[in-house]
Amino acid sequence: MNFLLVLSIIGILTSTMYALLVTIGALRLAQRRRALPPSSFAPPVSLLKPLHGSEPDLEAHLESFFEQDYPEFEIIFCARSDQDPGLEIIQAVWPGENPFAVSRHELLRAVKYELGSAGRDLNFNTYADHRSVFRYDMEALPNEVTGSIGTSTAFAAWNAAVYVAQIEDDRLTEVTQSGRYLDAAREVLRKHNGLWFYDESYVISRRRD
């Protein structure tokens, strides 16, 4: 018999035996796991949910958070604040524009009202500013945000501001045909020696009975 044929037959037999042994081991492991009593270990968990304006099916998605039966959890909701230089850039181009007019206190009151009796076992907290408000900065070298500010730095500031403010594309097309949007970004960068944004959070939690 051809040596290569014998070798291939041996290879098929050994691989088949290996696959059979793996299958048997997996079945035994599954049976052993089913025989174990269910674990009661359920440590407290924190969920972070950013809120960024109107999102598709937002109500249904948020509802799923509160329908869970996990015994102890907290959901940290984060929303934008209107108290930062980022919004100054937006309002320099579109005076009066403010997509973040609702504070975390108002948001939480509205959530509590909407939940009604379904929120009886939940805790609602906005906490003090030092715990609830946090800031993130646009990365830039000190010499990039003073004096003669380059186009790339001004454009980065503009992009960050319009992204956070969720400005629609058709409105952007209209204003970017002139250079005034970059001038607005430069003025704010010089005024504050940089650019930053504030987010504020509120917490809804369920404690273990």
N, C-alpha and C. Protein backbone atom coordinates (compact mmCIF):
# COMPACT_ATOMS: atom_id res chain seq x y z
N MET A 1 0.85 -1.20 0.00
CA MET A 1 0.00 0.00 0.00
C MET A 1 0.88 1.24 0.00
N ASN A 2 0.46 2.22 -0.72
CA ASN A 2 1.22 3.45 -0.81
C ASN A 2 1.41 4.07 0.56
N PHE A 3 2.66 4.46 0.86
CA PHE A 3 2.99 5.02 2.18
C PHE A 3 2.18 6.28 2.49
N LEU A 4 2.01 7.17 1.52
CA LEU A 4 1.26 8.41 1.74
C LEU A 4 -0.20 8.14 2.04
N LEU A 5 -0.77 7.09 1.39
CA LEU A 5 -2.16 6.73 1.65
C LEU A 5 -2.34 6.24 3.08
N VAL A 6 -1.39 5.41 3.52
CA VAL A 6 -1.44 4.91 4.91
C VAL A 6 -1.33 6.07 5.89
N LEU A 7 -0.43 6.98 5.60
CA LEU A 7 -0.24 8.14 6.49
C LEU A 7 -1.49 8.99 6.55
N SER A 8 -2.16 9.18 5.42
CA SER A 8 -3.39 10.00 5.42
C SER A 8 -4.51 9.31 6.18
N ILE A 9 -4.60 7.96 6.07
CA ILE A 9 -5.63 7.22 6.81
C ILE A 9 -5.40 7.35 8.30
N ILE A 10 -4.14 7.23 8.72
CA ILE A 10 -3.81 7.37 10.14
C ILE A 10 -4.16 8.77 10.63
N GLY A 11 -3.88 9.78 9.79
CA GLY A 11 -4.20 11.16 10.17
C GLY A 11 -5.68 11.38 10.34
N ILE A 12 -6.48 10.80 9.42
CA ILE A 12 -7.93 10.93 9.53
C ILE A 12 -8.45 10.28 10.79
N LEU A 13 -7.92 9.07 11.10
CA LEU A 13 -8.38 8.35 12.30
C LEU A 13 -8.03 9.10 13.58
N THR A 14 -6.81 9.64 13.65
CA THR A 14 -6.41 10.35 14.88
C THR A 14 -7.17 11.65 15.05
N SER A 15 -7.39 12.37 13.95
CA SER A 15 -8.15 13.63 14.07
C SER A 15 -9.60 13.36 14.44
N THR A 16 -10.17 12.28 13.90
CA THR A 16 -11.54 11.91 14.26
C THR A 16 -11.64 11.56 15.74
N MET A 17 -10.64 10.79 16.23
CA MET A 17 -10.63 10.43 17.65
C MET A 17 -10.49 11.67 18.54
N TYR A 18 -9.65 12.61 18.10
CA TYR A 18 -9.46 13.85 18.87
C TYR A 18 -10.76 14.66 18.93
N ALA A 19 -11.43 14.79 17.79
CA ALA A 19 -12.69 15.52 17.76
C ALA A 19 -13.74 14.86 18.65
N LEU A 20 -13.76 13.52 18.65
CA LEU A 20 -14.71 12.79 19.49
C LEU A 20 -14.44 13.03 20.97
N LEU A 21 -13.15 12.98 21.36
CA LEU A 21 -12.80 13.21 22.76
C LEU A 21 -13.16 14.63 23.20
N VAL A 22 -12.93 15.64 22.32
CA VAL A 22 -13.28 17.03 22.64
C VAL A 22 -14.79 17.16 22.83
N THR A 23 -15.56 16.53 21.96
CA THR A 23 -17.03 16.59 22.07
C THR A 23 -17.51 15.97 23.37
N ILE A 24 -16.95 14.81 23.72
CA ILE A 24 -17.33 14.14 24.98
C ILE A 24 -16.99 15.02 26.17
N GLY A 25 -15.81 15.64 26.14
CA GLY A 25 -15.40 16.51 27.25
C GLY A 25 -16.32 17.72 27.39
N ALA A 26 -16.70 18.32 26.24
CA ALA A 26 -17.59 19.48 26.29
C ALA A 26 -18.95 19.11 26.84
N LEU A 27 -19.48 17.95 26.46
CA LEU A 27 -20.78 17.50 26.97
C LEU A 27 -20.73 17.25 28.47
N ARG A 28 -19.66 16.63 28.94
CA ARG A 28 -19.52 16.36 30.38
C ARG A 28 -19.41 17.66 31.17
N LEU A 29 -18.67 18.64 30.62
CA LEU A 29 -18.55 19.94 31.29
C LEU A 29 -19.90 20.63 31.37
N ALA A 30 -20.67 20.58 30.28
CA ALA A 30 -22.00 21.20 30.29
C ALA A 30 -22.91 20.54 31.30
N GLN A 31 -22.86 19.22 31.41
CA GLN A 31 -23.68 18.51 32.39
C GLN A 31 -23.27 18.87 33.82
N ARG A 32 -21.97 19.00 34.04
CA ARG A 32 -21.48 19.35 35.38
C ARG A 32 -21.92 20.75 35.77
N ARG A 33 -21.90 21.68 34.81
CA ARG A 33 -22.33 23.05 35.12
C ARG A 33 -23.81 23.11 35.42
N ARG A 34 -24.61 22.32 34.69
CA ARG A 34 -26.05 22.32 34.96
C ARG A 34 -26.37 21.76 36.33
N ALA A 35 -25.50 20.88 36.82
CA ALA A 35 -25.74 20.26 38.12
C ALA A 35 -25.39 21.18 39.28
N LEU A 36 -24.60 22.24 39.02
CA LEU A 36 -24.22 23.15 40.09
C LEU A 36 -25.41 24.02 40.51
N PRO A 37 -25.53 24.33 41.80
CA PRO A 37 -26.61 25.22 42.23
C PRO A 37 -26.38 26.62 41.70
N PRO A 38 -27.44 27.38 41.41
CA PRO A 38 -27.28 28.74 40.89
C PRO A 38 -26.56 29.64 41.90
N SER A 39 -25.65 30.48 41.40
CA SER A 39 -24.87 31.35 42.28
C SER A 39 -25.70 32.55 42.69
N SER A 40 -25.56 32.95 43.95
CA SER A 40 -26.25 34.14 44.46
C SER A 40 -25.33 35.36 44.45
N PHE A 41 -24.13 35.19 43.90
CA PHE A 41 -23.16 36.29 43.88
C PHE A 41 -23.59 37.33 42.86
N ALA A 42 -23.94 38.51 43.33
CA ALA A 42 -24.37 39.60 42.45
C ALA A 42 -23.88 40.92 43.04
N PRO A 43 -22.62 41.28 42.80
CA PRO A 43 -22.08 42.51 43.39
C PRO A 43 -22.73 43.74 42.79
N PRO A 44 -22.72 44.85 43.51
CA PRO A 44 -23.26 46.10 42.94
C PRO A 44 -22.51 46.50 41.68
N VAL A 45 -23.22 47.04 40.71
CA VAL A 45 -22.59 47.45 39.46
C VAL A 45 -23.00 48.89 39.13
N SER A 46 -22.14 49.56 38.35
CA SER A 46 -22.43 50.91 37.86
C SER A 46 -22.49 50.88 36.34
N LEU A 47 -23.51 51.51 35.78
CA LEU A 47 -23.68 51.62 34.34
C LEU A 47 -23.56 53.09 33.95
N LEU A 48 -22.79 53.36 32.91
CA LEU A 48 -22.61 54.73 32.42
C LEU A 48 -23.40 54.89 31.14
N LYS A 49 -24.34 55.87 31.12
CA LYS A 49 -25.17 56.10 29.95
C LYS A 49 -25.04 57.56 29.51
N PRO A 50 -24.24 57.84 28.47
CA PRO A 50 -24.18 59.22 27.95
C PRO A 50 -25.49 59.57 27.24
N LEU A 51 -25.94 60.80 27.43
CA LEU A 51 -27.12 61.31 26.73
C LEU A 51 -26.66 62.41 25.78
N HIS A 52 -27.00 62.26 24.51
CA HIS A 52 -26.46 63.20 23.52
C HIS A 52 -27.58 63.66 22.60
N GLY A 53 -28.56 64.34 23.18
CA GLY A 53 -29.64 64.86 22.36
C GLY A 53 -30.64 63.79 21.96
N SER A 54 -31.32 64.02 20.85
CA SER A 54 -32.35 63.11 20.37
C SER A 54 -31.70 61.93 19.67
N GLU A 55 -31.90 60.73 20.20
CA GLU A 55 -31.34 59.52 19.63
C GLU A 55 -32.48 58.60 19.17
N PRO A 56 -32.29 57.84 18.10
CA PRO A 56 -33.33 56.91 17.64
C PRO A 56 -33.69 55.90 18.72
N ASP A 57 -34.99 55.74 18.98
CA ASP A 57 -35.50 54.76 19.95
C ASP A 57 -34.93 54.97 21.35
N LEU A 58 -34.64 56.23 21.69
CA LEU A 58 -34.03 56.51 22.99
C LEU A 58 -34.92 56.04 24.14
N GLU A 59 -36.22 56.29 24.05
CA GLU A 59 -37.12 55.93 25.14
C GLU A 59 -37.10 54.43 25.40
N ALA A 60 -37.16 53.64 24.33
CA ALA A 60 -37.15 52.19 24.49
C ALA A 60 -35.83 51.71 25.08
N HIS A 61 -34.73 52.32 24.65
CA HIS A 61 -33.43 51.92 25.16
C HIS A 61 -33.30 52.24 26.65
N LEU A 62 -33.75 53.42 27.04
CA LEU A 62 -33.67 53.79 28.45
C LEU A 62 -34.59 52.92 29.30
N GLU A 63 -35.74 52.56 28.74
CA GLU A 63 -36.69 51.73 29.48
C GLU A 63 -36.08 50.39 29.86
N SER A 64 -35.25 49.85 28.97
CA SER A 64 -34.63 48.55 29.25
C SER A 64 -33.72 48.60 30.47
N PHE A 65 -33.13 49.77 30.75
CA PHE A 65 -32.29 49.90 31.94
C PHE A 65 -33.10 49.66 33.21
N PHE A 66 -34.32 50.19 33.23
CA PHE A 66 -35.11 50.13 34.45
C PHE A 66 -35.93 48.85 34.58
N GLU A 67 -36.04 48.09 33.51
CA GLU A 67 -36.80 46.84 33.57
C GLU A 67 -35.94 45.66 34.02
N GLN A 68 -34.64 45.86 34.15
CA GLN A 68 -33.79 44.76 34.58
C GLN A 68 -34.08 44.38 36.03
N ASP A 69 -33.82 43.13 36.36
CA ASP A 69 -34.10 42.64 37.72
C ASP A 69 -32.84 42.45 38.54
N TYR A 70 -31.73 43.06 38.10
CA TYR A 70 -30.50 42.96 38.88
C TYR A 70 -30.74 43.62 40.24
N PRO A 71 -30.27 42.99 41.33
CA PRO A 71 -30.67 43.47 42.67
C PRO A 71 -30.12 44.83 43.07
N GLU A 72 -28.89 45.15 42.68
CA GLU A 72 -28.31 46.42 43.14
C GLU A 72 -27.45 47.03 42.04
N PHE A 73 -27.86 48.21 41.57
CA PHE A 73 -27.12 48.86 40.49
C PHE A 73 -27.32 50.36 40.58
N GLU A 74 -26.47 51.08 39.88
CA GLU A 74 -26.66 52.51 39.70
C GLU A 74 -26.39 52.85 38.24
N ILE A 75 -27.19 53.77 37.70
CA ILE A 75 -27.01 54.24 36.32
C ILE A 75 -26.56 55.69 36.40
N ILE A 76 -25.40 55.97 35.86
CA ILE A 76 -24.87 57.33 35.86
C ILE A 76 -25.16 57.93 34.48
N PHE A 77 -26.10 58.85 34.43
CA PHE A 77 -26.45 59.52 33.18
C PHE A 77 -25.60 60.77 33.04
N CYS A 78 -25.05 60.98 31.86
CA CYS A 78 -24.20 62.16 31.60
C CYS A 78 -24.80 62.99 30.47
N ALA A 79 -24.93 64.27 30.71
CA ALA A 79 -25.47 65.19 29.70
C ALA A 79 -24.58 66.42 29.63
N ARG A 80 -24.65 67.12 28.52
CA ARG A 80 -23.83 68.30 28.33
C ARG A 80 -24.30 69.47 29.17
N SER A 81 -23.35 70.33 29.50
CA SER A 81 -23.63 71.56 30.23
C SER A 81 -23.46 72.75 29.28
N ASP A 82 -24.13 73.87 29.61
CA ASP A 82 -24.01 75.06 28.76
C ASP A 82 -23.08 76.11 29.36
N GLN A 83 -22.23 75.70 30.31
CA GLN A 83 -21.37 76.67 30.99
C GLN A 83 -19.91 76.46 30.63
N ASP A 84 -19.58 76.52 29.33
CA ASP A 84 -18.18 76.31 28.95
C ASP A 84 -17.86 77.11 27.69
N PRO A 85 -16.56 77.28 27.38
CA PRO A 85 -16.17 78.04 26.19
C PRO A 85 -16.62 77.42 24.88
N GLY A 86 -16.85 76.11 24.87
CA GLY A 86 -17.30 75.47 23.65
C GLY A 86 -18.58 76.08 23.10
N LEU A 87 -19.51 76.37 24.01
CA LEU A 87 -20.78 76.96 23.58
C LEU A 87 -20.58 78.40 23.11
N GLU A 88 -19.57 79.07 23.62
CA GLU A 88 -19.29 80.45 23.18
C GLU A 88 -18.97 80.48 21.68
N ILE A 89 -18.25 79.48 21.21
CA ILE A 89 -17.94 79.41 19.78
C ILE A 89 -19.23 79.29 18.98
N ILE A 90 -20.11 78.42 19.42
CA ILE A 90 -21.38 78.20 18.73
C ILE A 90 -22.22 79.47 18.72
N GLN A 91 -22.30 80.15 19.85
CA GLN A 91 -23.14 81.34 19.94
C GLN A 91 -22.53 82.54 19.23
N ALA A 92 -21.23 82.51 18.98
CA ALA A 92 -20.61 83.58 18.19
C ALA A 92 -21.05 83.49 16.73
N VAL A 93 -21.34 82.28 16.27
CA VAL A 93 -21.79 82.07 14.89
C VAL A 93 -23.31 82.07 14.80
N TRP A 94 -23.95 81.45 15.78
CA TRP A 94 -25.42 81.41 15.83
C TRP A 94 -25.88 82.01 17.15
N PRO A 95 -26.04 83.31 17.23
CA PRO A 95 -26.43 83.96 18.50
C PRO A 95 -27.72 83.37 19.06
N GLY A 96 -27.69 83.12 20.36
CA GLY A 96 -28.87 82.58 21.02
C GLY A 96 -28.98 81.07 20.97
N GLU A 97 -28.12 80.41 20.23
CA GLU A 97 -28.16 78.95 20.13
C GLU A 97 -27.77 78.33 21.47
N ASN A 98 -28.58 77.43 21.98
CA ASN A 98 -28.24 76.73 23.23
C ASN A 98 -28.96 75.38 23.27
N PRO A 99 -28.31 74.33 22.80
CA PRO A 99 -28.94 73.01 22.82
C PRO A 99 -28.90 72.34 24.20
N PHE A 100 -28.31 73.02 25.18
CA PHE A 100 -28.15 72.41 26.51
C PHE A 100 -28.82 73.25 27.60
N ALA A 101 -30.00 73.73 27.33
CA ALA A 101 -30.66 74.66 28.24
C ALA A 101 -31.25 73.98 29.48
N VAL A 102 -31.33 72.65 29.47
CA VAL A 102 -31.95 71.91 30.58
C VAL A 102 -30.87 71.36 31.49
N SER A 103 -30.95 71.69 32.77
CA SER A 103 -29.93 71.25 33.73
C SER A 103 -30.20 69.81 34.17
N ARG A 104 -29.22 69.24 34.85
CA ARG A 104 -29.37 67.87 35.35
C ARG A 104 -30.50 67.78 36.38
N HIS A 105 -30.72 68.86 37.12
CA HIS A 105 -31.80 68.85 38.11
C HIS A 105 -33.16 68.74 37.42
N GLU A 106 -33.33 69.49 36.35
CA GLU A 106 -34.59 69.43 35.60
C GLU A 106 -34.76 68.09 34.91
N LEU A 107 -33.67 67.55 34.37
CA LEU A 107 -33.73 66.25 33.72
C LEU A 107 -34.16 65.16 34.70
N LEU A 108 -33.58 65.19 35.88
CA LEU A 108 -33.90 64.16 36.86
C LEU A 108 -35.34 64.27 37.35
N ARG A 109 -35.81 65.49 37.53
CA ARG A 109 -37.22 65.67 37.93
C ARG A 109 -38.15 65.11 36.86
N ALA A 110 -37.81 65.35 35.59
CA ALA A 110 -38.65 64.85 34.49
C ALA A 110 -38.63 63.33 34.44
N VAL A 111 -37.46 62.72 34.65
CA VAL A 111 -37.36 61.26 34.65
C VAL A 111 -38.19 60.66 35.78
N LYS A 112 -38.07 61.25 36.96
CA LYS A 112 -38.81 60.76 38.12
C LYS A 112 -40.32 60.85 37.87
N TYR A 113 -40.75 61.94 37.25
CA TYR A 113 -42.17 62.11 36.95
C TYR A 113 -42.64 61.07 35.94
N GLU A 114 -41.84 60.85 34.89
CA GLU A 114 -42.23 59.90 33.85
C GLU A 114 -42.28 58.47 34.39
N LEU A 115 -41.37 58.13 35.28
CA LEU A 115 -41.36 56.77 35.83
C LEU A 115 -42.56 56.52 36.73
N GLY A 116 -42.99 57.55 37.44
CA GLY A 116 -44.16 57.41 38.31
C GLY A 116 -43.98 56.31 39.33
N SER A 117 -44.98 55.44 39.46
CA SER A 117 -44.94 54.38 40.46
C SER A 117 -43.86 53.35 40.16
N ALA A 118 -43.41 53.27 38.90
CA ALA A 118 -42.37 52.31 38.55
C ALA A 118 -41.02 52.67 39.18
N GLY A 119 -40.90 53.91 39.66
CA GLY A 119 -39.65 54.34 40.26
C GLY A 119 -39.65 54.33 41.77
N ARG A 120 -40.62 53.65 42.37
CA ARG A 120 -40.72 53.68 43.83
C ARG A 120 -39.54 53.02 44.53
N ASP A 121 -38.92 52.02 43.91
CA ASP A 121 -37.79 51.34 44.55
C ASP A 121 -36.44 51.90 44.09
N LEU A 122 -36.46 53.08 43.46
CA LEU A 122 -35.24 53.67 42.95
C LEU A 122 -34.84 54.91 43.75
N ASN A 123 -33.57 55.22 43.74
CA ASN A 123 -33.05 56.43 44.37
C ASN A 123 -32.60 57.40 43.28
N PHE A 124 -32.89 58.68 43.47
CA PHE A 124 -32.59 59.71 42.47
C PHE A 124 -31.66 60.75 43.10
N ASN A 125 -30.49 60.96 42.49
CA ASN A 125 -29.52 61.89 43.06
C ASN A 125 -28.84 62.72 41.98
N THR A 126 -28.76 64.03 42.22
CA THR A 126 -27.98 64.90 41.34
C THR A 126 -26.63 65.26 41.96
N TYR A 127 -26.51 65.19 43.25
CA TYR A 127 -25.28 65.48 43.97
C TYR A 127 -24.79 66.92 43.71
N ALA A 128 -23.76 67.31 44.46
CA ALA A 128 -23.19 68.65 44.33
C ALA A 128 -22.32 68.74 43.09
N ASP A 129 -22.03 69.98 42.66
CA ASP A 129 -21.27 70.19 41.43
C ASP A 129 -19.90 69.50 41.45
N HIS A 130 -19.21 69.55 42.60
CA HIS A 130 -17.86 68.98 42.63
C HIS A 130 -17.87 67.48 42.39
N ARG A 131 -19.01 66.86 42.55
CA ARG A 131 -19.12 65.42 42.33
C ARG A 131 -19.80 65.10 41.00
N SER A 132 -20.63 65.99 40.51
CA SER A 132 -21.45 65.70 39.33
C SER A 132 -20.95 66.34 38.05
N VAL A 133 -20.20 67.43 38.15
CA VAL A 133 -19.77 68.15 36.95
C VAL A 133 -18.30 67.81 36.69
N PHE A 134 -17.99 67.43 35.48
CA PHE A 134 -16.61 67.16 35.14
C PHE A 134 -16.26 67.81 33.81
N ARG A 135 -14.99 68.00 33.62
CA ARG A 135 -14.49 68.81 32.50
C ARG A 135 -13.49 68.01 31.67
N TYR A 136 -13.54 68.22 30.36
CA TYR A 136 -12.51 67.65 29.50
C TYR A 136 -12.01 68.73 28.55
N ASP A 137 -10.71 68.75 28.36
CA ASP A 137 -10.04 69.83 27.61
C ASP A 137 -9.60 69.36 26.23
N MET A 138 -9.60 70.29 25.30
CA MET A 138 -8.98 70.04 24.00
C MET A 138 -7.47 70.08 24.18
N GLU A 139 -6.80 69.05 23.73
CA GLU A 139 -5.35 68.99 23.88
C GLU A 139 -4.68 69.98 22.92
N ALA A 140 -3.85 70.83 23.48
CA ALA A 140 -3.10 71.80 22.66
C ALA A 140 -1.92 72.31 23.48
N LEU A 141 -0.83 72.62 22.81
CA LEU A 141 0.32 73.23 23.48
C LEU A 141 0.00 74.68 23.83
N PRO A 142 0.61 75.21 24.90
CA PRO A 142 0.31 76.60 25.30
C PRO A 142 0.51 77.62 24.19
N ASN A 143 1.55 77.43 23.36
CA ASN A 143 1.79 78.40 22.29
C ASN A 143 0.84 78.24 21.11
N GLU A 144 0.00 77.19 21.12
CA GLU A 144 -0.95 76.99 20.04
C GLU A 144 -2.27 77.71 20.26
N VAL A 145 -2.50 78.18 21.50
CA VAL A 145 -3.79 78.82 21.81
C VAL A 145 -3.61 80.28 22.21
N THR A 146 -2.47 80.84 21.92
CA THR A 146 -2.22 82.26 22.19
C THR A 146 -1.59 82.89 20.96
N GLY A 147 -1.63 84.21 20.89
CA GLY A 147 -1.01 84.91 19.78
C GLY A 147 -1.66 84.57 18.46
N SER A 148 -0.82 84.22 17.48
CA SER A 148 -1.32 83.87 16.15
C SER A 148 -1.69 82.39 16.14
N ILE A 149 -2.98 82.12 16.21
CA ILE A 149 -3.46 80.75 16.30
C ILE A 149 -3.59 80.17 14.90
N GLY A 150 -2.95 79.04 14.68
CA GLY A 150 -2.94 78.42 13.37
C GLY A 150 -4.30 77.88 12.95
N THR A 151 -4.44 77.66 11.65
CA THR A 151 -5.70 77.16 11.10
C THR A 151 -6.06 75.79 11.65
N SER A 152 -5.07 74.90 11.80
CA SER A 152 -5.36 73.54 12.27
C SER A 152 -5.90 73.55 13.69
N THR A 153 -5.35 74.42 14.56
CA THR A 153 -5.83 74.51 15.94
C THR A 153 -7.24 75.09 15.98
N ALA A 154 -7.46 76.15 15.21
CA ALA A 154 -8.80 76.76 15.17
C ALA A 154 -9.82 75.78 14.60
N PHE A 155 -9.42 75.03 13.58
CA PHE A 155 -10.33 74.07 12.98
C PHE A 155 -10.64 72.93 13.94
N ALA A 156 -9.66 72.50 14.72
CA ALA A 156 -9.89 71.45 15.72
C ALA A 156 -10.88 71.92 16.78
N ALA A 157 -10.73 73.18 17.21
CA ALA A 157 -11.66 73.74 18.19
C ALA A 157 -13.07 73.83 17.62
N TRP A 158 -13.16 74.27 16.38
CA TRP A 158 -14.47 74.38 15.73
C TRP A 158 -15.13 73.01 15.60
N ASN A 159 -14.39 72.03 15.14
CA ASN A 159 -14.94 70.67 14.99
C ASN A 159 -15.44 70.12 16.32
N ALA A 160 -14.66 70.34 17.38
CA ALA A 160 -15.07 69.85 18.68
C ALA A 160 -16.36 70.53 19.14
N ALA A 161 -16.44 71.84 18.94
CA ALA A 161 -17.61 72.60 19.39
C ALA A 161 -18.88 72.19 18.65
N VAL A 162 -18.80 72.05 17.32
CA VAL A 162 -20.02 71.72 16.56
C VAL A 162 -20.42 70.27 16.78
N TYR A 163 -19.43 69.39 17.03
CA TYR A 163 -19.77 68.00 17.33
C TYR A 163 -20.54 67.89 18.64
N VAL A 164 -20.02 68.56 19.66
CA VAL A 164 -20.67 68.51 20.97
C VAL A 164 -22.06 69.14 20.90
N ALA A 165 -22.19 70.24 20.14
CA ALA A 165 -23.47 70.93 20.05
C ALA A 165 -24.43 70.28 19.06
N GLN A 166 -23.99 69.27 18.33
CA GLN A 166 -24.83 68.54 17.38
C GLN A 166 -25.45 69.47 16.32
N ILE A 167 -24.62 70.29 15.73
CA ILE A 167 -25.10 71.19 14.68
C ILE A 167 -25.33 70.39 13.39
N GLU A 168 -26.46 70.61 12.75
CA GLU A 168 -26.81 69.86 11.54
C GLU A 168 -25.87 70.23 10.38
N ASP A 169 -25.69 69.26 9.48
CA ASP A 169 -24.76 69.43 8.36
C ASP A 169 -25.14 70.59 7.45
N ASP A 170 -26.44 70.78 7.19
CA ASP A 170 -26.82 71.85 6.28
C ASP A 170 -26.50 73.23 6.86
N ARG A 171 -26.58 73.36 8.16
CA ARG A 171 -26.22 74.63 8.79
C ARG A 171 -24.71 74.84 8.75
N LEU A 172 -23.96 73.78 8.88
CA LEU A 172 -22.50 73.88 8.82
C LEU A 172 -22.04 74.31 7.43
N THR A 173 -22.64 73.73 6.42
CA THR A 173 -22.26 74.07 5.04
C THR A 173 -22.43 75.55 4.77
N GLU A 174 -23.47 76.12 5.33
CA GLU A 174 -23.77 77.54 5.10
C GLU A 174 -22.71 78.44 5.70
N VAL A 175 -22.28 78.15 6.93
CA VAL A 175 -21.34 79.06 7.61
C VAL A 175 -19.89 78.81 7.22
N THR A 176 -19.56 77.58 6.80
CA THR A 176 -18.16 77.30 6.48
C THR A 176 -17.73 77.86 5.13
N GLN A 177 -18.65 78.44 4.41
CA GLN A 177 -18.29 79.07 3.14
C GLN A 177 -17.53 80.38 3.36
N SER A 178 -17.61 80.88 4.57
CA SER A 178 -16.81 82.05 4.94
C SER A 178 -15.85 81.64 6.05
N GLY A 179 -14.93 82.52 6.37
CA GLY A 179 -13.95 82.18 7.40
C GLY A 179 -14.33 82.63 8.79
N ARG A 180 -15.54 83.14 8.97
CA ARG A 180 -15.89 83.71 10.28
C ARG A 180 -15.98 82.65 11.38
N TYR A 181 -16.23 81.41 11.00
CA TYR A 181 -16.31 80.37 12.03
C TYR A 181 -14.95 80.11 12.66
N LEU A 182 -13.88 80.21 11.84
CA LEU A 182 -12.53 80.06 12.39
C LEU A 182 -12.14 81.27 13.23
N ASP A 183 -12.59 82.45 12.82
CA ASP A 183 -12.33 83.64 13.63
C ASP A 183 -12.99 83.52 15.00
N ALA A 184 -14.20 82.98 15.03
CA ALA A 184 -14.90 82.78 16.31
C ALA A 184 -14.14 81.81 17.19
N ALA A 185 -13.62 80.73 16.59
CA ALA A 185 -12.85 79.76 17.36
C ALA A 185 -11.58 80.38 17.92
N ARG A 186 -10.90 81.16 17.10
CA ARG A 186 -9.66 81.81 17.56
C ARG A 186 -9.93 82.77 18.71
N GLU A 187 -10.98 83.55 18.61
CA GLU A 187 -11.30 84.52 19.67
C GLU A 187 -11.54 83.83 21.00
N VAL A 188 -12.28 82.72 20.98
CA VAL A 188 -12.55 81.99 22.23
C VAL A 188 -11.29 81.34 22.77
N LEU A 189 -10.46 80.79 21.90
CA LEU A 189 -9.20 80.19 22.34
C LEU A 189 -8.30 81.22 23.01
N ARG A 190 -8.21 82.41 22.43
CA ARG A 190 -7.38 83.47 23.03
C ARG A 190 -7.97 83.93 24.37
N LYS A 191 -9.28 84.08 24.40
CA LYS A 191 -9.94 84.57 25.61
C LYS A 191 -9.71 83.65 26.80
N HIS A 192 -9.74 82.34 26.57
CA HIS A 192 -9.66 81.37 27.67
C HIS A 192 -8.33 80.61 27.70
N ASN A 193 -7.41 80.96 26.78
CA ASN A 193 -6.15 80.21 26.68
C ASN A 193 -6.39 78.71 26.54
N GLY A 194 -7.38 78.36 25.77
CA GLY A 194 -7.68 76.95 25.57
C GLY A 194 -9.17 76.75 25.34
N LEU A 195 -9.55 75.48 25.29
CA LEU A 195 -10.95 75.14 25.08
C LEU A 195 -11.29 73.92 25.91
N TRP A 196 -12.41 73.97 26.58
CA TRP A 196 -12.86 72.82 27.34
C TRP A 196 -14.38 72.74 27.32
N PHE A 197 -14.86 71.59 27.74
CA PHE A 197 -16.30 71.33 27.78
C PHE A 197 -16.66 70.74 29.13
N TYR A 198 -17.88 71.03 29.58
CA TYR A 198 -18.38 70.47 30.82
C TYR A 198 -19.50 69.47 30.54
N ASP A 199 -19.47 68.38 31.26
CA ASP A 199 -20.59 67.45 31.32
C ASP A 199 -21.08 67.41 32.76
N GLU A 200 -22.36 67.16 32.92
CA GLU A 200 -22.89 66.98 34.27
C GLU A 200 -23.66 65.67 34.33
N SER A 201 -23.68 65.08 35.50
CA SER A 201 -24.25 63.75 35.64
C SER A 201 -25.30 63.71 36.75
N TYR A 202 -26.18 62.75 36.64
CA TYR A 202 -27.10 62.43 37.73
C TYR A 202 -27.20 60.92 37.81
N VAL A 203 -27.59 60.43 38.99
CA VAL A 203 -27.53 59.00 39.27
C VAL A 203 -28.89 58.47 39.69
N ILE A 204 -29.28 57.36 39.08
CA ILE A 204 -30.48 56.62 39.49
C ILE A 204 -30.01 55.24 39.90
N SER A 205 -30.39 54.81 41.10
CA SER A 205 -29.86 53.55 41.62
C SER A 205 -30.95 52.72 42.27
N ARG A 206 -30.65 51.45 42.39
CA ARG A 206 -31.50 50.53 43.15
C ARG A 206 -30.62 49.83 44.17
N ARG A 207 -31.04 49.88 45.42
CA ARG A 207 -30.29 49.22 46.48
C ARG A 207 -30.90 47.86 46.77
N ARG A 208 -30.03 46.95 47.20
CA ARG A 208 -30.47 45.61 47.54
C ARG A 208 -31.44 45.64 48.72
N ASP A 209 -32.50 44.85 48.64
CA ASP A 209 -33.48 44.81 49.74
C ASP A 209 -32.85 44.23 51.00
